[in-house]
Amino acid sequence: MVSDVSESKQKYVTVFIPTLNGEQFIKEIIDAILDQVLPDGYLLELLIIDSGSKDRTLEIIDDYKGKLTLDQIPNIEFSHGGTRDKAARMAKGEFILFLTQDATPGSKRWLINMLEPFFLSEQVGCVFGKQVPRPNAAPTIKREVSGVFGGFGPQDAILIYQNKSFIDHKAIYPINNFFSDVNSAVRRKLLVGEVPFRKVNYAEDHALAEDMQKKGYLKAYSPSGFVWHSNEYTPRQYFGRKFDEFIGLQESVGAKLTASKKSLLLGWIRPTVHDWKFIRIDKDYSMRSKLVWFIESPFYNMAAKAGQYYAARYLNSPKGRSKLSYENKIRPKNEG
């Protein structure tokens, strides 16, 4: 795109994606980003940091030379907070939109819809968008994603999270630290200034939302800025995800976990029944898929309960805390 504005004065919006073996969706995502409607006066910068892909990810990205910036780091250097902090410092954009390698913008106005809250007030520091599960995702994951984002109230209005009075700045609500870098946007000046990403391995997004609100900035939810996203995990991988998630939330924002053998042994039953009901009425699944998911759903829910149980034991055990996390032992660091 040709512009008559000098490089020093040109305004940008940056989209950042960390990648590791992301060949499944990366072309679809890049194409969707390059097709976005931009705010008047802004140019797009697409920034990717790859941490050691061994599949076709880099080959696919190479097809877009001149349309994006690629940086490569060893996998051992990746952390969810540290790598996003690196991206923020590399970026040109006034605003940075964060995606994961399996989250596809749902419309050509995704970018504008994600930026909309920033133009309501200078106090809006960060925005998270809606996630819509992919049609053939595992029912446990599909139901979880739908339930979380369906629970934020009206889906046709921007939601602003306020924990302090605008008038006398007194705390009036507890800080709500839910946030997701699967689909988010942040003012760059805050990320490179007073509210940087914490350099943590997990739950960097929740930590950022907490820090942002403690500094007096507002968090917003923009449901119209939606992406297609649902992790395609096996039950074993889902266990690893839940284990890491619970540990990350404890270490980053102090979420409390308890280990209950009763929950481990019996807690999977009720969510499995909910899954079966969900499968029965969901129109995206074929009859064959419904049968497969009826059989596999119990294993996903067992995996989720086991992840929470063993994370709690890990956190409550000095011996456990001295070991490497499950993520560091068997999962690539930026998966999911």
Protein backbone atom coordinates (compact mmCIF):
# COMPACT_ATOMS: atom_id res chain seq x y z
CA MET A 1 0.00 0.00 0.00
CA VAL A 2 1.40 3.38 -1.02
CA SER A 3 1.23 6.23 1.46
CA ASP A 4 2.24 9.88 1.21
CA VAL A 5 2.83 9.99 4.98
CA SER A 6 6.47 9.86 6.05
CA GLU A 7 7.62 6.67 7.78
CA SER A 8 8.23 8.53 11.06
CA LYS A 9 4.65 9.85 11.15
CA GLN A 10 2.87 6.87 9.63
CA LYS A 11 0.47 5.13 12.03
CA TYR A 12 0.42 1.33 12.21
CA VAL A 13 -1.60 -1.39 13.82
CA THR A 14 0.33 -4.60 14.47
CA VAL A 15 -0.99 -8.16 14.48
CA PHE A 16 1.30 -10.64 16.26
CA ILE A 17 1.27 -14.45 16.07
CA PRO A 18 3.70 -16.79 17.85
CA THR A 19 4.14 -20.02 15.89
CA LEU A 20 5.41 -23.53 16.50
CA ASN A 21 4.38 -26.27 14.07
CA GLY A 22 1.27 -24.33 13.11
CA GLU A 23 0.88 -25.49 9.51
CA GLN A 24 -2.76 -26.53 9.93
CA PHE A 25 -4.24 -23.02 10.11
CA ILE A 26 -1.43 -20.53 9.49
CA LYS A 27 -2.19 -19.87 5.80
CA GLU A 28 -5.88 -19.39 6.57
CA ILE A 29 -5.02 -16.97 9.37
CA ILE A 30 -2.49 -14.91 7.40
CA ASP A 31 -4.91 -14.59 4.47
CA ALA A 32 -7.67 -13.44 6.83
CA ILE A 33 -5.38 -10.83 8.45
CA LEU A 34 -4.18 -9.44 5.11
CA ASP A 35 -7.82 -9.10 4.04
CA GLN A 36 -8.81 -6.94 7.02
CA VAL A 37 -10.44 -3.53 6.78
CA LEU A 38 -8.11 -1.00 8.43
CA PRO A 39 -8.94 2.23 10.26
CA ASP A 40 -8.41 5.34 8.15
CA GLY A 41 -4.80 6.52 8.33
CA TYR A 42 -3.35 3.21 9.57
CA LEU A 43 -1.18 0.62 7.84
CA LEU A 44 -0.97 -3.04 8.83
CA GLU A 45 2.12 -4.70 10.25
CA LEU A 46 1.99 -8.50 10.56
CA LEU A 47 4.66 -9.87 12.90
CA ILE A 48 5.40 -13.56 13.51
CA ILE A 49 7.90 -15.07 15.94
CA ASP A 50 8.57 -18.75 15.29
CA SER A 51 10.18 -20.86 18.00
CA GLY A 52 11.49 -23.85 16.10
CA SER A 53 8.83 -25.18 13.73
CA LYS A 54 9.70 -28.52 12.13
CA ASP A 55 6.62 -28.84 9.91
CA ARG A 56 5.66 -26.67 6.87
CA THR A 57 4.96 -23.53 8.93
CA LEU A 58 8.07 -21.63 7.81
CA GLU A 59 7.60 -22.75 4.21
CA ILE A 60 4.05 -21.36 4.24
CA ILE A 61 5.17 -18.11 5.87
CA ASP A 62 7.93 -17.75 3.25
CA ASP A 63 5.22 -17.46 0.57
CA TYR A 64 4.26 -14.10 2.13
CA LYS A 65 7.67 -12.43 1.91
CA GLY A 66 7.28 -8.66 1.83
CA LYS A 67 3.86 -8.84 3.50
CA LEU A 68 5.00 -9.73 7.02
CA THR A 69 7.99 -9.72 9.36
CA LEU A 70 9.34 -13.04 10.63
CA ASP A 71 11.67 -13.47 13.60
CA GLN A 72 12.98 -16.88 14.66
CA ILE A 73 14.07 -17.94 18.15
CA PRO A 74 15.11 -21.30 19.66
CA ASN A 75 12.24 -23.08 21.39
CA ILE A 76 14.07 -22.95 24.70
CA GLU A 77 13.86 -19.13 24.59
CA PHE A 78 10.08 -19.09 24.24
CA SER A 79 7.78 -18.12 27.09
CA HIS A 80 4.22 -16.90 26.76
CA GLY A 81 4.97 -13.64 28.54
CA GLY A 82 8.55 -13.07 27.45
CA THR A 83 7.96 -13.68 23.74
CA ARG A 84 4.95 -11.38 23.67
CA ASP A 85 7.02 -8.75 25.46
CA LYS A 86 9.66 -9.15 22.75
CA ALA A 87 6.99 -8.75 20.06
CA ALA A 88 5.66 -5.58 21.70
CA ARG A 89 9.13 -4.03 21.62
CA MET A 90 9.63 -5.01 17.97
CA ALA A 91 6.21 -3.75 16.85
CA LYS A 92 5.52 -0.46 15.06
CA GLY A 93 1.83 -0.42 15.89
CA GLU A 94 0.04 2.01 18.15
CA PHE A 95 -2.14 -1.00 18.95
CA ILE A 96 -1.04 -4.64 18.96
CA LEU A 97 -3.51 -7.44 18.29
CA PHE A 98 -2.48 -10.85 19.60
CA LEU A 99 -3.59 -14.12 18.02
CA THR A 100 -2.53 -17.74 18.40
CA GLN A 101 -1.64 -19.96 15.46
CA ASP A 102 -5.04 -21.68 15.56
CA ALA A 103 -7.30 -18.60 15.83
CA THR A 104 -8.76 -17.31 12.56
CA PRO A 105 -10.41 -13.85 12.35
CA GLY A 106 -14.11 -14.38 11.77
CA SER A 107 -14.76 -11.43 9.46
CA LYS A 108 -13.03 -8.68 7.48
CA ARG A 109 -13.93 -6.24 10.28
CA TRP A 110 -12.36 -8.31 13.06
CA LEU A 111 -9.48 -5.84 13.43
CA ILE A 112 -11.69 -2.73 13.51
CA ASN A 113 -14.10 -4.38 15.94
CA MET A 114 -11.22 -5.26 18.26
CA LEU A 115 -9.92 -1.67 18.19
CA GLU A 116 -13.32 -0.03 18.69
CA PRO A 117 -13.14 0.08 22.54
CA PHE A 118 -9.85 2.00 22.46
CA PHE A 119 -11.58 4.87 20.69
CA LEU A 120 -14.21 5.10 23.43
CA SER A 121 -11.67 6.17 26.03
CA GLU A 122 -7.93 6.63 26.46
CA GLN A 123 -8.33 4.66 29.69
CA VAL A 124 -9.10 1.43 27.83
CA GLY A 125 -5.80 -0.42 27.97
CA CYS A 126 -6.65 -3.91 26.75
CA VAL A 127 -9.41 -5.71 24.88
CA PHE A 128 -10.28 -9.36 24.46
CA GLY A 129 -12.52 -10.72 21.74
CA LYS A 130 -14.97 -13.56 21.41
CA GLN A 131 -13.91 -17.10 20.53
CA VAL A 132 -16.25 -19.28 18.50
CA PRO A 133 -15.39 -23.01 18.51
CA ARG A 134 -14.68 -24.67 15.20
CA PRO A 135 -17.64 -26.87 14.13
CA ASN A 136 -15.93 -30.25 14.56
CA ALA A 137 -14.08 -29.57 17.82
CA ALA A 138 -14.27 -32.10 20.63
CA PRO A 139 -17.60 -31.57 22.45
CA THR A 140 -15.93 -31.00 25.84
CA ILE A 141 -13.81 -28.19 24.37
CA LYS A 142 -16.59 -26.85 22.15
CA ARG A 143 -19.03 -26.69 25.04
CA GLU A 144 -16.43 -25.05 27.32
CA VAL A 145 -15.56 -22.32 24.80
CA SER A 146 -19.22 -21.65 23.97
CA GLY A 147 -20.14 -21.52 27.64
CA VAL A 148 -17.35 -19.14 28.65
CA PHE A 149 -17.94 -16.57 25.92
CA GLY A 150 -21.71 -16.98 25.96
CA GLY A 151 -21.65 -16.00 29.63
CA PHE A 152 -20.36 -12.46 29.16
CA GLY A 153 -23.79 -10.96 28.61
CA PRO A 154 -25.16 -9.34 25.43
CA GLN A 155 -23.19 -10.41 22.38
CA ASP A 156 -23.94 -7.25 20.40
CA ALA A 157 -22.42 -4.68 22.77
CA ILE A 158 -18.96 -3.73 24.05
CA LEU A 159 -18.49 -4.61 27.71
CA ILE A 160 -16.23 -2.41 29.88
CA TYR A 161 -14.76 -3.82 33.10
CA GLN A 162 -14.47 -1.14 35.76
CA ASN A 163 -13.13 -1.82 39.24
CA LYS A 164 -12.61 1.80 40.41
CA SER A 165 -14.96 4.77 40.50
CA PHE A 166 -14.43 7.27 37.70
CA ILE A 167 -15.26 10.05 40.17
CA ASP A 168 -13.18 9.41 43.29
CA HIS A 169 -11.12 6.41 42.12
CA LYS A 170 -12.26 4.25 45.04
CA ALA A 171 -12.32 0.49 44.46
CA ILE A 172 -15.93 -0.54 43.86
CA TYR A 173 -15.57 -4.01 42.30
CA PRO A 174 -12.98 -6.78 42.57
CA ILE A 175 -10.53 -6.98 39.70
CA ASN A 176 -11.72 -9.39 37.01
CA ASN A 177 -8.55 -10.86 35.53
CA PHE A 178 -10.06 -13.04 32.81
CA PHE A 179 -8.27 -12.34 29.55
CA SER A 180 -7.13 -14.41 26.60
CA ASP A 181 -4.27 -13.80 24.19
CA VAL A 182 -5.90 -16.21 21.78
CA ASN A 183 -7.65 -13.03 20.61
CA SER A 184 -6.72 -9.74 22.25
CA ALA A 185 -5.54 -6.19 21.65
CA VAL A 186 -3.41 -3.86 23.79
CA ARG A 187 -2.10 -0.28 23.58
CA ARG A 188 1.57 -0.66 22.73
CA LYS A 189 2.71 2.34 24.78
CA LEU A 190 1.50 0.56 27.91
CA LEU A 191 3.22 -2.73 27.02
CA VAL A 192 6.57 -1.01 26.53
CA GLY A 193 5.94 1.35 29.43
CA GLU A 194 4.14 0.94 32.72
CA VAL A 195 2.25 -2.33 32.07
CA PRO A 196 4.54 -4.83 30.33
CA PHE A 197 3.84 -8.53 30.00
CA ARG A 198 5.18 -10.48 32.93
CA LYS A 199 7.85 -12.90 31.71
CA VAL A 200 5.98 -16.01 32.78
CA ASN A 201 5.52 -19.36 31.05
CA TYR A 202 1.74 -19.37 31.32
CA ALA A 203 -1.32 -17.21 32.14
CA GLU A 204 0.51 -14.08 30.97
CA ASP A 205 -2.82 -12.79 29.67
CA HIS A 206 -4.60 -13.01 33.03
CA ALA A 207 -1.58 -11.40 34.69
CA LEU A 208 -1.64 -8.55 32.15
CA ALA A 209 -5.35 -7.89 32.73
CA GLU A 210 -4.76 -7.80 36.48
CA ASP A 211 -1.78 -5.44 36.17
CA MET A 212 -3.64 -3.21 33.71
CA GLN A 213 -6.56 -2.71 36.10
CA LYS A 214 -4.29 -2.20 39.11
CA LYS A 215 -2.70 0.67 37.18
CA GLY A 216 -6.12 2.22 36.66
CA TYR A 217 -6.76 1.18 33.06
CA LEU A 218 -9.94 -0.43 31.79
CA LYS A 219 -10.37 -3.83 30.23
CA ALA A 220 -12.98 -4.32 27.50
CA TYR A 221 -14.70 -7.23 25.77
CA SER A 222 -15.62 -6.90 22.10
CA PRO A 223 -17.79 -9.85 21.04
CA SER A 224 -17.99 -8.63 17.44
CA GLY A 225 -14.21 -9.04 17.19
CA PHE A 226 -14.53 -12.81 17.06
CA VAL A 227 -12.22 -15.59 15.92
CA TRP A 228 -12.73 -19.24 15.06
CA HIS A 229 -10.78 -21.15 17.69
CA SER A 230 -10.77 -24.42 19.56
CA ASN A 231 -7.72 -26.45 20.49
CA GLU A 232 -7.64 -29.83 18.78
CA TYR A 233 -6.37 -31.85 21.71
CA THR A 234 -6.36 -35.56 22.39
CA PRO A 235 -7.45 -36.44 25.96
CA ARG A 236 -3.80 -36.80 26.96
CA GLN A 237 -2.95 -33.37 25.53
CA TYR A 238 -6.04 -31.93 27.23
CA PHE A 239 -4.74 -33.23 30.55
CA GLY A 240 -1.45 -31.43 29.89
CA ARG A 241 -3.27 -28.23 28.94
CA LYS A 242 -5.36 -28.26 32.12
CA PHE A 243 -2.35 -29.10 34.30
CA ASP A 244 -0.38 -26.16 32.87
CA GLU A 245 -3.40 -23.85 32.96
CA PHE A 246 -4.09 -24.39 36.65
CA ILE A 247 -0.43 -24.05 37.61
CA GLY A 248 -0.09 -20.92 35.49
CA LEU A 249 -3.14 -19.29 37.08
CA GLN A 250 -1.78 -20.02 40.55
CA GLU A 251 1.70 -18.75 39.81
CA SER A 252 0.62 -15.67 37.82
CA VAL A 253 -2.53 -14.41 39.56
CA GLY A 254 -2.75 -16.48 42.75
CA ALA A 255 -5.75 -18.65 41.83
CA LYS A 256 -6.37 -21.19 44.60
CA LEU A 257 -6.58 -24.92 43.89
CA THR A 258 -7.51 -27.84 46.11
CA ALA A 259 -6.96 -31.54 45.36
CA SER A 260 -9.96 -33.80 45.95
CA LYS A 261 -9.87 -37.52 45.26
CA LYS A 262 -13.66 -37.51 45.14
CA SER A 263 -13.58 -34.95 42.33
CA LEU A 264 -10.88 -36.94 40.55
CA LEU A 265 -12.88 -40.16 40.73
CA LEU A 266 -16.41 -38.83 40.25
CA GLY A 267 -16.18 -35.22 39.04
CA TRP A 268 -16.04 -36.22 35.37
CA ILE A 269 -19.53 -37.78 35.38
CA ARG A 270 -21.72 -34.66 35.39
CA PRO A 271 -19.79 -32.79 32.66
CA THR A 272 -19.84 -35.96 30.55
CA VAL A 273 -23.64 -36.08 30.81
CA HIS A 274 -23.71 -32.42 29.70
CA ASP A 275 -21.45 -33.35 26.78
CA TRP A 276 -23.77 -36.16 25.73
CA LYS A 277 -26.74 -33.79 25.73
CA PHE A 278 -24.69 -31.26 23.76
CA ILE A 279 -23.66 -33.89 21.20
CA ARG A 280 -27.24 -35.04 20.72
CA ILE A 281 -28.52 -31.57 19.73
CA ASP A 282 -25.42 -30.19 17.97
CA LYS A 283 -26.05 -29.98 14.22
CA ASP A 284 -22.39 -29.71 13.21
CA TYR A 285 -21.57 -33.35 13.98
CA SER A 286 -22.31 -36.19 11.56
CA MET A 287 -23.95 -39.34 12.96
CA ARG A 288 -20.57 -41.07 12.87
CA SER A 289 -18.92 -38.17 14.71
CA LYS A 290 -21.67 -38.20 17.33
CA LEU A 291 -20.99 -41.87 18.04
CA VAL A 292 -17.23 -41.28 18.31
CA TRP A 293 -17.69 -38.30 20.63
CA PHE A 294 -20.17 -40.18 22.85
CA ILE A 295 -17.43 -42.72 23.46
CA GLU A 296 -14.54 -40.27 23.84
CA SER A 297 -16.17 -37.51 25.93
CA PRO A 298 -15.71 -39.29 29.28
CA PHE A 299 -11.96 -39.43 28.66
CA TYR A 300 -11.76 -35.66 28.03
CA ASN A 301 -13.59 -34.93 31.27
CA MET A 302 -11.46 -37.40 33.21
CA ALA A 303 -8.39 -35.67 31.75
CA ALA A 304 -9.66 -32.24 32.87
CA LYS A 305 -10.28 -33.41 36.43
CA ALA A 306 -6.94 -35.21 36.55
CA GLY A 307 -5.16 -32.09 35.30
CA GLN A 308 -6.69 -30.02 38.11
CA TYR A 309 -6.03 -32.71 40.74
CA TYR A 310 -2.37 -33.22 39.88
CA ALA A 311 -1.77 -29.49 39.44
CA ALA A 312 -3.10 -28.92 42.96
CA ARG A 313 -0.89 -31.67 44.34
CA TYR A 314 2.09 -30.23 42.49
CA LEU A 315 1.44 -26.76 43.88
CA ASN A 316 0.91 -28.01 47.42
CA SER A 317 4.00 -30.23 47.45
CA PRO A 318 7.49 -28.74 47.98
CA LYS A 319 8.90 -31.80 46.21
CA GLY A 320 6.50 -31.32 43.31
CA ARG A 321 7.32 -27.64 42.92
CA SER A 322 11.01 -28.47 42.62
CA LYS A 323 10.36 -30.50 39.45
CA LEU A 324 9.94 -29.26 35.90
CA SER A 325 6.35 -28.56 34.90
CA TYR A 326 4.42 -31.04 32.80
CA GLU A 327 4.61 -28.50 29.96
CA ASN A 328 8.40 -28.40 30.02
CA LYS A 329 8.66 -32.18 30.12
CA ILE A 330 6.47 -33.30 27.25
CA ARG A 331 4.82 -30.38 25.44
CA PRO A 332 6.28 -27.73 23.14
CA LYS A 333 6.33 -24.48 25.04
CA ASN A 334 4.01 -22.40 22.89
CA GLU A 335 1.48 -25.05 21.93
CA GLY A 336 -2.07 -23.76 22.25
